[in-house]
N, C-alpha and C. Protein backbone atom coordinates (compact mmCIF):
# COMPACT_ATOMS: atom_id res chain seq x y z
N UNK A 1 -20.72 15.71 -46.06
CA UNK A 1 -19.61 14.68 -45.87
C UNK A 1 -18.52 15.21 -45.18
N UNK A 2 -18.18 16.79 -45.79
CA UNK A 2 -17.44 17.11 -45.17
C UNK A 2 -17.16 17.86 -43.51
N UNK A 3 -18.90 17.96 -43.50
CA UNK A 3 -18.98 18.07 -41.83
C UNK A 3 -18.51 17.01 -41.12
N UNK A 4 -18.45 15.42 -41.65
CA UNK A 4 -17.99 14.87 -40.88
C UNK A 4 -16.75 14.29 -40.51
N UNK A 5 -15.71 15.15 -41.26
CA UNK A 5 -14.31 15.18 -41.30
C UNK A 5 -13.73 16.08 -39.92
N UNK A 6 -12.88 15.06 -39.44
CA UNK A 6 -12.31 15.38 -38.06
C UNK A 6 -11.74 16.87 -38.36
N UNK A 7 -11.84 18.01 -37.44
CA UNK A 7 -11.19 19.29 -37.50
C UNK A 7 -9.59 19.24 -37.05
N UNK A 8 -9.07 20.34 -37.25
CA UNK A 8 -7.73 20.19 -36.59
C UNK A 8 -7.55 20.15 -35.17
N UNK A 9 -8.45 21.19 -34.56
CA UNK A 9 -9.05 20.96 -33.38
C UNK A 9 -9.31 19.71 -32.64
N UNK A 10 -10.11 18.96 -33.51
CA UNK A 10 -10.34 17.77 -32.99
C UNK A 10 -9.46 16.60 -32.80
N UNK A 11 -8.71 16.69 -33.75
CA UNK A 11 -7.49 15.75 -33.64
C UNK A 11 -6.39 16.01 -32.86
N UNK A 12 -6.30 17.49 -32.50
CA UNK A 12 -5.36 17.86 -31.52
C UNK A 12 -5.98 17.30 -30.20
N UNK A 13 -7.21 17.57 -30.16
CA UNK A 13 -7.86 17.14 -28.65
C UNK A 13 -7.73 15.49 -28.53
N UNK A 14 -7.79 14.73 -29.83
CA UNK A 14 -7.55 13.27 -29.61
C UNK A 14 -6.23 12.92 -29.05
N UNK A 15 -5.43 13.59 -29.59
CA UNK A 15 -4.03 13.24 -29.85
C UNK A 15 -3.47 13.41 -28.42
N UNK A 16 -4.18 14.46 -27.91
CA UNK A 16 -3.72 14.83 -26.25
C UNK A 16 -4.33 13.92 -25.27
N UNK A 17 -5.64 13.51 -25.99
CA UNK A 17 -6.35 12.60 -25.04
C UNK A 17 -5.38 11.08 -24.93
N UNK A 18 -5.03 10.95 -26.15
CA UNK A 18 -4.13 9.40 -26.41
C UNK A 18 -2.99 9.49 -25.69
N UNK A 19 -2.40 10.45 -25.43
CA UNK A 19 -1.12 10.91 -24.66
C UNK A 19 -1.23 10.49 -23.05
N UNK A 20 -2.75 11.18 -22.71
CA UNK A 20 -2.73 11.34 -21.31
C UNK A 20 -2.98 9.87 -21.15
N UNK A 21 -3.88 9.13 -21.83
CA UNK A 21 -4.45 7.82 -21.68
C UNK A 21 -3.24 6.89 -21.21
N UNK A 22 -2.29 6.88 -22.46
CA UNK A 22 -0.90 6.22 -22.21
C UNK A 22 -0.22 6.79 -21.22
N UNK A 23 -0.24 7.93 -20.44
CA UNK A 23 0.74 8.17 -19.72
C UNK A 23 0.28 7.65 -18.26
N UNK A 24 -1.23 7.74 -18.24
CA UNK A 24 -1.99 6.96 -17.19
C UNK A 24 -1.85 5.76 -16.82
N UNK A 25 -1.88 5.10 -17.99
CA UNK A 25 -1.71 3.55 -17.97
C UNK A 25 -0.12 3.37 -17.49
N UNK A 26 0.86 3.78 -17.65
CA UNK A 26 2.06 3.62 -17.29
C UNK A 26 1.94 3.80 -15.93
N UNK A 27 1.35 4.74 -15.18
CA UNK A 27 1.42 5.16 -13.70
C UNK A 27 0.74 4.29 -13.28
N UNK A 28 -0.11 3.42 -14.00
CA UNK A 28 -0.98 2.29 -13.06
C UNK A 28 -0.03 1.24 -12.75
N UNK A 29 0.99 1.17 -13.81
CA UNK A 29 2.22 0.06 -13.69
C UNK A 29 3.12 0.48 -12.14
N UNK A 30 2.88 1.57 -12.06
CA UNK A 30 3.61 1.77 -10.48
C UNK A 30 3.04 1.84 -9.40
N UNK A 31 1.43 2.18 -9.57
CA UNK A 31 0.43 2.17 -8.36
C UNK A 31 -0.96 1.81 -9.05
N UNK A 32 -1.60 0.72 -8.92
CA UNK A 32 -2.91 0.58 -9.77
C UNK A 32 -3.79 1.68 -9.64
N UNK A 33 -4.56 1.74 -8.24
CA UNK A 33 -5.40 2.69 -8.07
C UNK A 33 -4.97 4.20 -8.39
N UNK A 34 -4.03 4.64 -8.16
CA UNK A 34 -3.73 6.12 -8.42
C UNK A 34 -4.05 6.87 -9.66
N UNK A 35 -3.87 6.33 -10.88
CA UNK A 35 -4.13 7.12 -11.87
C UNK A 35 -5.76 6.70 -11.80
N UNK A 36 -6.44 5.76 -11.66
CA UNK A 36 -7.47 5.60 -11.81
C UNK A 36 -8.71 6.36 -10.86
N UNK A 37 -8.07 6.96 -9.19
CA UNK A 37 -8.46 7.63 -8.65
C UNK A 37 -8.39 9.26 -9.02
N UNK A 38 -7.17 9.76 -9.97
CA UNK A 38 -6.87 10.81 -10.34
C UNK A 38 -7.94 11.14 -11.51
N UNK A 39 -8.06 10.30 -12.57
CA UNK A 39 -8.97 10.33 -13.59
C UNK A 39 -10.65 10.35 -13.03
N UNK A 40 -10.69 9.77 -12.01
CA UNK A 40 -11.83 9.53 -11.48
C UNK A 40 -12.37 10.93 -10.56
N UNK A 41 -11.21 11.54 -9.99
CA UNK A 41 -11.72 13.13 -9.24
C UNK A 41 -11.80 13.78 -10.57
N UNK A 42 -10.75 13.92 -11.78
CA UNK A 42 -11.04 15.08 -12.51
C UNK A 42 -12.40 15.03 -13.20
N UNK A 43 -12.64 13.89 -13.53
CA UNK A 43 -13.98 13.59 -14.17
C UNK A 43 -15.08 14.18 -13.35
N UNK A 44 -15.02 13.70 -12.18
CA UNK A 44 -16.18 14.04 -11.43
C UNK A 44 -16.26 15.82 -10.83
N UNK A 45 -15.07 16.18 -10.90
CA UNK A 45 -14.92 17.70 -10.77
C UNK A 45 -15.34 18.38 -12.10
N UNK A 46 -15.62 17.50 -13.09
CA UNK A 46 -15.78 18.27 -14.51
C UNK A 46 -14.80 18.91 -15.29
N UNK A 47 -13.59 18.41 -14.95
CA UNK A 47 -12.47 18.85 -15.60
C UNK A 47 -11.98 17.87 -16.81
N UNK A 48 -12.64 16.73 -16.94
CA UNK A 48 -12.33 15.76 -17.92
C UNK A 48 -13.63 14.95 -18.34
N UNK A 49 -13.47 15.38 -19.79
CA UNK A 49 -14.35 14.25 -20.74
C UNK A 49 -13.95 12.69 -20.71
N UNK A 50 -14.84 11.89 -20.41
CA UNK A 50 -14.70 10.53 -20.43
C UNK A 50 -15.15 9.89 -21.81
N UNK A 51 -15.00 8.75 -22.28
CA UNK A 51 -15.23 8.32 -23.27
C UNK A 51 -16.86 7.46 -23.06
N UNK A 52 -17.25 7.16 -24.29
CA UNK A 52 -18.66 6.72 -23.98
C UNK A 52 -18.70 5.42 -23.37
N UNK A 53 -19.41 5.04 -22.16
CA UNK A 53 -19.30 3.78 -21.53
C UNK A 53 -18.37 3.92 -20.24
N UNK A 54 -17.57 5.09 -19.97
CA UNK A 54 -16.62 5.02 -19.05
C UNK A 54 -17.17 6.21 -18.14
N UNK A 55 -18.51 6.52 -17.98
CA UNK A 55 -19.13 7.57 -17.20
C UNK A 55 -18.90 7.49 -15.85
N UNK A 56 -19.40 6.16 -15.35
CA UNK A 56 -19.05 5.24 -14.28
C UNK A 56 -17.94 5.99 -13.50
N UNK A 57 -16.87 6.25 -14.06
CA UNK A 57 -15.63 6.30 -13.80
C UNK A 57 -15.58 7.81 -12.86
N UNK A 58 -16.57 8.56 -13.51
CA UNK A 58 -16.76 9.88 -12.92
C UNK A 58 -17.68 10.46 -11.78
N UNK A 59 -18.44 8.97 -11.41
CA UNK A 59 -19.30 9.30 -10.20
C UNK A 59 -18.88 9.27 -8.65
N UNK A 60 -19.57 9.68 -7.88
CA UNK A 60 -19.22 9.60 -6.55
C UNK A 60 -18.87 8.27 -6.08
N UNK A 61 -19.60 7.37 -6.08
CA UNK A 61 -19.28 6.21 -5.39
C UNK A 61 -18.02 5.34 -6.39
N UNK A 62 -17.82 5.65 -7.18
CA UNK A 62 -16.46 5.31 -7.98
C UNK A 62 -15.26 5.97 -7.51
N UNK A 63 -15.53 7.43 -7.00
CA UNK A 63 -14.56 8.16 -6.65
C UNK A 63 -14.07 7.69 -4.95
N UNK A 64 -14.97 7.39 -4.25
CA UNK A 64 -14.72 6.84 -2.93
C UNK A 64 -14.47 5.45 -2.63
N UNK A 65 -15.03 4.50 -3.65
CA UNK A 65 -14.20 3.03 -3.61
C UNK A 65 -12.77 3.06 -4.35
N UNK A 66 -12.38 3.89 -5.36
CA UNK A 66 -11.06 4.28 -5.80
C UNK A 66 -9.90 4.81 -4.38
N UNK A 67 -10.68 5.84 -3.81
CA UNK A 67 -10.08 6.12 -2.79
C UNK A 67 -9.33 5.68 -1.97
N UNK A 68 -10.53 4.51 -1.48
CA UNK A 68 -10.03 3.50 -0.20
C UNK A 68 -9.24 2.75 -0.78
N UNK A 69 -9.74 2.09 -2.14
CA UNK A 69 -8.51 0.96 -2.63
C UNK A 69 -7.16 1.58 -2.99
N UNK A 70 -6.84 2.90 -3.14
CA UNK A 70 -5.52 3.50 -3.56
C UNK A 70 -4.90 3.60 -1.92
N UNK A 71 -5.48 3.89 -0.77
CA UNK A 71 -4.93 3.96 0.41
C UNK A 71 -4.75 2.83 0.56
N UNK A 72 -5.52 1.74 0.48
CA UNK A 72 -4.99 0.35 1.05
C UNK A 72 -3.89 -0.10 0.30
N UNK A 73 -3.86 0.02 -1.15
CA UNK A 73 -2.80 -0.22 -1.71
C UNK A 73 -1.35 0.10 -1.14
N UNK A 74 -1.64 1.53 -1.05
CA UNK A 74 -0.34 2.55 -0.70
C UNK A 74 0.35 1.85 0.53
N UNK A 75 -0.65 1.84 1.39
CA UNK A 75 -0.19 1.15 2.83
C UNK A 75 0.54 -0.04 3.07
N UNK A 76 0.01 -0.96 1.90
CA UNK A 76 0.24 -2.34 2.10
C UNK A 76 1.40 -2.40 1.60
N UNK A 77 1.85 -1.54 0.63
CA UNK A 77 3.29 -1.64 -0.08
C UNK A 77 4.59 -1.33 0.89
N UNK A 78 4.03 -0.68 2.15
CA UNK A 78 4.90 -0.15 3.24
C UNK A 78 5.13 -1.64 4.29
N UNK A 79 4.46 -2.41 4.10
CA UNK A 79 4.40 -3.59 4.98
C UNK A 79 5.49 -4.79 4.46
N UNK A 80 6.71 -4.98 5.16
CA UNK A 80 7.29 -5.87 4.73
C UNK A 80 6.75 -7.23 4.86
N UNK A 81 7.33 -8.01 3.74
CA UNK A 81 6.92 -9.28 3.19
C UNK A 81 5.53 -9.19 1.91
N UNK A 82 4.51 -8.44 2.63
CA UNK A 82 3.21 -8.23 2.06
C UNK A 82 3.45 -7.67 1.00
N UNK A 83 4.52 -6.67 0.73
CA UNK A 83 4.94 -6.00 -0.94
C UNK A 83 5.09 -7.04 -1.89
N UNK A 84 5.81 -8.35 -1.48
CA UNK A 84 5.96 -9.04 -2.46
C UNK A 84 4.70 -9.79 -2.98
N UNK A 85 3.95 -10.17 -1.97
CA UNK A 85 2.79 -10.80 -2.13
C UNK A 85 1.74 -10.14 -3.01
N UNK A 86 1.66 -8.89 -2.93
CA UNK A 86 1.12 -7.88 -3.86
C UNK A 86 1.59 -7.67 -5.19
N UNK A 87 2.69 -7.92 -5.47
CA UNK A 87 3.00 -8.04 -6.82
C UNK A 87 2.55 -8.84 -7.75
N UNK A 88 2.12 -10.07 -7.19
CA UNK A 88 1.70 -11.22 -8.01
C UNK A 88 0.19 -10.90 -8.26
N UNK A 89 -0.47 -10.15 -7.46
CA UNK A 89 -1.70 -9.44 -7.71
C UNK A 89 -1.91 -8.28 -8.62
N UNK A 90 -0.62 -7.31 -8.24
CA UNK A 90 -0.62 -6.13 -8.66
C UNK A 90 -0.50 -6.09 -10.41
N UNK A 91 0.46 -7.12 -11.01
CA UNK A 91 0.59 -7.29 -12.40
C UNK A 91 -0.52 -7.75 -13.08
N UNK A 92 -1.59 -8.51 -12.86
CA UNK A 92 -2.65 -8.44 -13.81
C UNK A 92 -3.54 -7.34 -13.37
N UNK A 93 -3.63 -6.82 -12.22
CA UNK A 93 -4.49 -5.84 -12.09
C UNK A 93 -4.05 -4.48 -12.78
N UNK A 94 -2.81 -4.31 -13.00
CA UNK A 94 -2.21 -3.12 -13.41
C UNK A 94 -2.16 -3.24 -14.87
N UNK A 95 -2.29 -4.22 -15.78
CA UNK A 95 -2.69 -4.61 -16.79
C UNK A 95 -4.11 -4.13 -17.28
N UNK A 96 -5.03 -4.55 -16.48
CA UNK A 96 -6.37 -4.43 -16.35
C UNK A 96 -6.82 -2.40 -16.33
N UNK A 97 -6.34 -2.11 -15.25
CA UNK A 97 -6.34 -0.78 -15.07
C UNK A 97 -5.66 0.14 -15.98
N UNK A 98 -4.37 -0.42 -16.88
CA UNK A 98 -3.92 0.51 -17.69
C UNK A 98 -5.10 0.62 -19.03
N UNK A 99 -5.68 -0.71 -19.19
CA UNK A 99 -6.52 -0.61 -20.50
C UNK A 99 -7.75 0.23 -19.84
N UNK A 100 -8.25 -0.07 -18.90
CA UNK A 100 -9.46 0.77 -18.41
C UNK A 100 -9.41 2.17 -18.31
N UNK A 101 -8.41 2.66 -17.95
CA UNK A 101 -7.97 4.28 -17.87
C UNK A 101 -7.59 4.73 -19.16
N UNK A 102 -6.76 4.15 -19.76
CA UNK A 102 -6.35 4.74 -21.14
C UNK A 102 -7.80 4.48 -21.92
N UNK A 103 -8.35 3.79 -22.14
CA UNK A 103 -9.99 3.50 -22.91
C UNK A 103 -10.99 4.36 -22.32
N UNK A 104 -10.55 4.88 -21.43
CA UNK A 104 -11.68 5.91 -20.88
C UNK A 104 -11.30 7.30 -21.16
N UNK A 105 -9.83 7.54 -21.64
CA UNK A 105 -9.77 8.80 -22.20
C UNK A 105 -9.49 8.81 -23.85
N UNK A 106 -9.56 7.76 -24.17
CA UNK A 106 -9.49 7.58 -25.75
C UNK A 106 -10.72 8.14 -26.36
N UNK A 107 -11.13 9.20 -26.53
CA UNK A 107 -12.43 9.78 -27.03
C UNK A 107 -12.17 10.23 -28.63
N UNK A 108 -13.46 10.40 -29.22
CA UNK A 108 -13.65 10.51 -30.49
C UNK A 108 -12.87 9.89 -31.43
N UNK A 109 -12.98 8.66 -31.27
CA UNK A 109 -12.54 7.40 -32.20
C UNK A 109 -13.44 6.20 -32.11
N UNK A 110 -13.59 5.16 -33.14
CA UNK A 110 -14.17 4.29 -33.10
C UNK A 110 -14.17 3.54 -32.14
N UNK A 111 -15.13 2.39 -31.47
CA UNK A 111 -15.08 1.76 -30.43
C UNK A 111 -13.74 0.88 -30.59
N UNK A 112 -13.67 0.12 -31.66
CA UNK A 112 -12.64 -0.90 -31.88
C UNK A 112 -11.48 -0.63 -31.82
N UNK A 113 -11.26 0.95 -32.41
CA UNK A 113 -9.96 1.20 -32.43
C UNK A 113 -9.45 1.85 -30.94
N UNK A 114 -10.81 2.16 -30.39
CA UNK A 114 -10.09 2.78 -28.81
C UNK A 114 -9.66 1.36 -27.92
N UNK A 115 -10.35 0.50 -28.00
CA UNK A 115 -10.22 -0.88 -27.11
C UNK A 115 -8.65 -1.49 -27.90
N UNK A 116 -8.44 -1.70 -29.03
CA UNK A 116 -7.32 -1.87 -29.44
C UNK A 116 -6.01 -0.99 -28.93
N UNK A 117 -6.22 0.12 -29.08
CA UNK A 117 -5.20 1.15 -28.50
C UNK A 117 -4.80 0.69 -26.96
N UNK A 118 -6.27 0.83 -26.29
CA UNK A 118 -6.16 0.62 -24.87
C UNK A 118 -5.25 -0.71 -24.64
N UNK A 119 -5.86 -1.64 -25.45
CA UNK A 119 -5.13 -3.23 -24.62
C UNK A 119 -3.55 -3.09 -25.21
N UNK A 120 -3.26 -2.65 -26.35
CA UNK A 120 -2.00 -2.40 -26.62
C UNK A 120 -1.13 -1.54 -26.10
N UNK A 121 -1.41 -0.27 -26.17
CA UNK A 121 -0.48 0.90 -25.48
C UNK A 121 -0.86 0.76 -24.06
N UNK A 122 -2.12 0.73 -23.65
CA UNK A 122 -2.26 1.10 -22.26
C UNK A 122 -2.14 -0.39 -21.39
N UNK A 123 -2.61 -1.20 -21.80
CA UNK A 123 -2.20 -2.55 -21.00
C UNK A 123 -0.61 -2.87 -21.21
N UNK A 124 -0.15 -2.83 -22.26
CA UNK A 124 1.01 -3.09 -22.55
C UNK A 124 2.15 -1.95 -21.71
N UNK A 125 2.00 -0.65 -21.52
CA UNK A 125 2.63 0.16 -20.85
C UNK A 125 2.49 -0.26 -19.49
N UNK A 126 1.43 -0.52 -18.74
CA UNK A 126 1.15 -0.69 -17.19
C UNK A 126 1.94 -2.22 -16.96
N UNK A 127 1.90 -3.11 -18.14
CA UNK A 127 2.35 -4.53 -17.73
C UNK A 127 3.90 -4.36 -17.57
N UNK A 128 4.64 -3.53 -18.28
CA UNK A 128 5.98 -3.47 -18.58
C UNK A 128 6.46 -2.45 -17.08
N UNK A 129 5.87 -1.80 -16.87
CA UNK A 129 6.28 -0.85 -15.96
C UNK A 129 6.31 -1.51 -14.56
N UNK A 130 5.12 -2.29 -14.42
CA UNK A 130 4.85 -3.26 -13.09
C UNK A 130 6.04 -4.20 -13.07
N UNK A 131 6.07 -4.88 -14.16
CA UNK A 131 6.98 -5.99 -14.67
C UNK A 131 8.35 -5.39 -14.03
N UNK A 132 8.99 -4.24 -14.25
CA UNK A 132 10.26 -3.80 -13.78
C UNK A 132 10.27 -3.42 -12.39
N UNK A 133 9.01 -2.90 -11.87
CA UNK A 133 9.21 -2.82 -10.25
C UNK A 133 9.00 -4.06 -9.75
N UNK A 134 8.37 -4.76 -10.07
CA UNK A 134 8.77 -6.09 -9.15
C UNK A 134 10.06 -6.65 -9.54
N UNK A 135 10.93 -6.85 -10.43
CA UNK A 135 11.91 -7.03 -10.50
C UNK A 135 12.97 -6.16 -9.69
N UNK A 136 13.03 -5.08 -9.35
CA UNK A 136 13.79 -3.84 -8.68
C UNK A 136 13.30 -4.21 -7.24
N UNK A 137 12.07 -4.55 -6.99
CA UNK A 137 11.70 -4.73 -5.73
C UNK A 137 12.41 -6.19 -5.11
N UNK A 138 12.35 -6.85 -5.99
CA UNK A 138 13.06 -8.52 -5.98
C UNK A 138 14.62 -8.05 -5.63
N UNK A 139 15.40 -7.37 -6.38
CA UNK A 139 16.70 -6.82 -6.15
C UNK A 139 17.11 -6.16 -4.98
N UNK A 140 16.03 -5.54 -4.63
CA UNK A 140 16.19 -4.43 -3.40
C UNK A 140 16.15 -5.46 -2.07
N UNK A 141 15.15 -6.46 -2.18
CA UNK A 141 14.93 -7.39 -1.06
C UNK A 141 16.20 -8.28 -0.86
N UNK A 142 16.93 -8.84 -1.96
CA UNK A 142 17.80 -9.64 -1.75
C UNK A 142 19.22 -8.74 -1.49
N UNK A 143 19.39 -7.68 -1.94
CA UNK A 143 20.58 -6.80 -1.56
C UNK A 143 20.80 -6.45 -0.37
N UNK A 144 19.34 -5.84 0.45
CA UNK A 144 19.47 -4.87 1.79
C UNK A 144 18.54 -6.08 2.60
N UNK A 145 18.10 -7.12 2.23
CA UNK A 145 17.01 -7.72 3.05
C UNK A 145 15.89 -7.24 3.38
N UNK A 146 15.33 -6.32 2.35
CA UNK A 146 14.28 -5.90 2.59
C UNK A 146 14.04 -4.66 3.25
N UNK A 147 15.23 -3.91 3.75
CA UNK A 147 15.12 -2.66 4.34
C UNK A 147 15.09 -1.61 3.48
N UNK A 148 15.58 -1.64 2.43
CA UNK A 148 15.08 -0.65 1.02
C UNK A 148 13.81 -0.64 0.30
N UNK A 149 13.12 -1.68 0.83
CA UNK A 149 11.82 -1.86 0.23
C UNK A 149 10.95 -0.84 0.28
N UNK A 150 10.90 -0.24 1.65
CA UNK A 150 10.08 0.95 1.77
C UNK A 150 10.51 2.11 0.91
N UNK A 151 11.79 2.22 0.53
CA UNK A 151 12.12 3.32 0.05
C UNK A 151 11.81 3.20 -1.66
N UNK A 152 11.73 1.88 -2.22
CA UNK A 152 11.28 1.60 -3.21
C UNK A 152 9.75 1.94 -3.32
N UNK A 153 8.91 1.55 -2.44
CA UNK A 153 7.57 1.87 -2.53
C UNK A 153 7.46 3.10 -2.39
N UNK A 154 8.28 4.22 -1.83
CA UNK A 154 7.99 5.45 -1.64
C UNK A 154 7.99 6.08 -3.11
N UNK A 155 9.34 5.53 -3.70
CA UNK A 155 9.67 5.99 -5.10
C UNK A 155 8.61 5.96 -6.52
N UNK A 156 8.25 4.61 -5.98
CA UNK A 156 7.00 4.22 -6.57
C UNK A 156 5.56 4.99 -6.59
N UNK A 157 5.22 5.48 -5.59
CA UNK A 157 3.96 6.25 -5.23
C UNK A 157 4.39 7.59 -5.66
N UNK A 158 5.70 8.25 -5.47
CA UNK A 158 5.77 9.55 -5.76
C UNK A 158 5.67 9.47 -7.55
N UNK A 159 6.42 8.51 -8.14
CA UNK A 159 6.33 8.35 -9.41
C UNK A 159 4.82 8.37 -10.12
N UNK A 160 3.87 7.66 -9.30
CA UNK A 160 2.75 7.14 -9.99
C UNK A 160 1.59 8.46 -9.88
N UNK A 161 1.94 9.21 -8.78
CA UNK A 161 1.28 10.47 -8.19
C UNK A 161 1.73 11.62 -9.60
N UNK A 162 2.83 11.60 -9.52
CA UNK A 162 3.82 13.14 -10.58
C UNK A 162 3.12 12.71 -11.92
N UNK A 163 3.21 11.15 -12.27
CA UNK A 163 2.79 10.91 -13.73
C UNK A 163 1.39 11.19 -14.06
N UNK A 164 0.53 10.66 -12.87
CA UNK A 164 -0.92 10.84 -13.23
C UNK A 164 -1.31 12.35 -13.22
N UNK A 165 -0.88 13.30 -12.50
CA UNK A 165 -1.05 14.38 -12.53
C UNK A 165 -0.74 15.35 -13.61
N UNK A 166 0.34 14.90 -13.97
CA UNK A 166 1.14 15.55 -15.59
C UNK A 166 0.30 14.85 -16.46
N UNK A 167 -0.19 13.45 -16.39
CA UNK A 167 -1.16 13.28 -17.71
C UNK A 167 -2.31 14.28 -17.94
N UNK A 168 -2.76 14.56 -16.85
CA UNK A 168 -4.18 15.38 -16.82
C UNK A 168 -3.84 16.95 -17.05
N UNK A 169 -2.47 17.59 -16.71
CA UNK A 169 -2.41 18.55 -16.90
C UNK A 169 -1.20 18.88 -17.98
N UNK A 170 -0.34 18.20 -18.46
CA UNK A 170 0.53 18.49 -19.37
C UNK A 170 0.78 17.17 -20.04
N UNK A 171 -0.15 16.73 -20.95
CA UNK A 171 -0.08 15.45 -21.42
C UNK A 171 0.87 14.90 -22.08
N UNK A 172 1.63 16.02 -22.92
CA UNK A 172 2.73 15.45 -23.93
C UNK A 172 4.13 15.40 -23.16
N UNK A 173 4.32 16.29 -21.60
CA UNK A 173 5.30 15.88 -20.86
C UNK A 173 5.10 14.69 -20.17
N UNK A 174 3.95 14.29 -19.62
CA UNK A 174 3.43 13.20 -18.91
C UNK A 174 4.08 11.89 -20.12
N UNK A 175 3.49 12.05 -21.46
CA UNK A 175 3.94 11.10 -22.41
C UNK A 175 5.34 10.78 -22.61
N UNK A 176 6.07 12.02 -22.28
CA UNK A 176 7.69 11.73 -22.53
C UNK A 176 7.85 11.13 -21.57
N UNK A 177 7.51 11.13 -20.09
CA UNK A 177 8.26 10.72 -19.04
C UNK A 177 7.53 9.30 -19.04
N UNK A 178 6.64 9.32 -19.44
CA UNK A 178 6.06 7.55 -19.48
C UNK A 178 6.97 6.80 -20.54
N UNK A 179 7.25 7.42 -21.61
CA UNK A 179 8.18 6.82 -22.57
C UNK A 179 9.48 6.02 -21.88
N UNK A 180 9.87 7.32 -20.99
CA UNK A 180 11.36 7.26 -20.48
C UNK A 180 11.21 6.15 -19.27
N UNK A 181 10.03 5.94 -18.53
CA UNK A 181 9.53 4.79 -17.94
C UNK A 181 9.77 3.41 -18.34
N UNK A 182 8.96 3.22 -19.80
CA UNK A 182 8.67 2.28 -20.30
C UNK A 182 9.98 1.67 -20.68
N UNK A 183 10.98 2.58 -21.45
CA UNK A 183 11.93 2.35 -21.95
C UNK A 183 13.02 1.67 -21.11
N UNK A 184 13.06 2.24 -20.02
CA UNK A 184 13.78 1.69 -18.69
C UNK A 184 13.38 0.23 -18.17
N UNK A 185 11.96 0.39 -18.05
CA UNK A 185 11.38 -1.01 -17.86
C UNK A 185 11.95 -2.24 -19.10
N UNK A 186 11.87 -1.76 -20.23
CA UNK A 186 12.53 -2.58 -21.11
C UNK A 186 13.81 -2.99 -21.27
N UNK A 187 14.66 -2.19 -20.62
CA UNK A 187 16.22 -2.59 -20.41
C UNK A 187 16.36 -3.33 -19.43
N UNK A 188 15.44 -3.24 -18.41
CA UNK A 188 15.48 -4.06 -17.00
C UNK A 188 14.99 -5.23 -17.46
N UNK A 189 14.07 -5.42 -18.28
CA UNK A 189 13.88 -6.79 -18.77
C UNK A 189 14.77 -7.40 -19.35
N UNK A 190 15.32 -6.76 -20.25
CA UNK A 190 16.37 -7.28 -21.06
C UNK A 190 17.18 -7.58 -20.31
N UNK A 191 18.16 -7.15 -19.45
CA UNK A 191 19.06 -7.35 -18.43
C UNK A 191 18.87 -8.77 -17.73
N UNK A 192 17.27 -8.61 -17.20
CA UNK A 192 17.21 -9.91 -16.63
C UNK A 192 17.00 -11.35 -17.32
N UNK A 193 16.53 -11.04 -18.64
CA UNK A 193 16.64 -12.28 -19.76
C UNK A 193 17.60 -12.53 -20.10
N UNK A 194 18.65 -11.80 -20.46
CA UNK A 194 19.94 -11.99 -21.16
C UNK A 194 20.83 -12.67 -19.81
N UNK A 195 20.56 -11.86 -18.86
CA UNK A 195 21.50 -12.30 -17.34
C UNK A 195 21.16 -13.55 -17.30
N UNK A 196 19.67 -14.27 -17.13
CA UNK A 196 19.50 -15.72 -17.04
C UNK A 196 20.19 -16.93 -17.85
N UNK A 197 20.24 -16.22 -19.31
CA UNK A 197 20.73 -17.01 -20.24
C UNK A 197 22.29 -17.23 -20.28
N UNK A 198 23.03 -16.03 -19.89
CA UNK A 198 24.16 -15.92 -19.65
C UNK A 198 24.54 -16.81 -18.06
N UNK A 199 23.80 -16.93 -17.47
CA UNK A 199 24.22 -17.84 -16.30
C UNK A 199 23.91 -18.99 -16.39
N UNK A 200 22.96 -19.65 -17.38
CA UNK A 200 22.50 -21.05 -17.94
C UNK A 200 23.74 -21.27 -18.64
N UNK A 201 24.23 -20.65 -19.66
CA UNK A 201 25.32 -20.88 -20.48
C UNK A 201 26.47 -21.16 -19.33
N UNK A 202 26.76 -20.43 -18.54
CA UNK A 202 28.20 -20.74 -17.75
C UNK A 202 28.14 -21.84 -16.74
N UNK A 203 26.64 -22.24 -16.36
CA UNK A 203 26.53 -23.16 -15.65
C UNK A 203 26.81 -24.61 -16.73
N UNK A 204 26.23 -24.33 -17.77
CA UNK A 204 26.14 -25.61 -18.68
C UNK A 204 27.82 -26.18 -19.16
N UNK A 205 28.50 -25.01 -19.23
CA UNK A 205 29.76 -24.96 -19.71
C UNK A 205 30.95 -25.38 -18.37
N UNK A 206 30.46 -25.66 -17.15
CA UNK A 206 31.69 -26.03 -15.96
C UNK A 206 31.16 -27.42 -15.72
């Protein structure tokens, strides 16, 4: 029975995997396919162990497909007007990608716990970050007529790449950065919600 208990090293490895999974999920909120591509490449090259059932992510077909999808996604966000249309699709896709990529890294834990964490932490992080970027793009479009949207897209791309690489190389640093991104997303969502409530209250009082 004692042999079945997790060792300190095993717990540490599992904790780092959770940190990496959540950080990758947050990166999916910036660009859906970038963290999936990074995970696929790392697994294909033998630098990353995937959870049971996620071995497909480390195959050559998955790597090629995700590479093409990432290239198309990145390019599409630099096309005026198309970026707003993509946001409508990217929000549910980001949640799914966050769940998939985090579940793929949550190793050495029961299946039910892996998927609960993936849905709550992975899907939640991706959804919050994606929602915040959508609001930011809308504000940028209203204030600049869409002229600044390519800069927003470039910042999102850079953030997704940095966060994905850090998740694989320095999970604790990546988790801290992801936490900051998620907190910023929560603050932005709070401002939007309370801003609408205040505007509605002013309109009703007039």
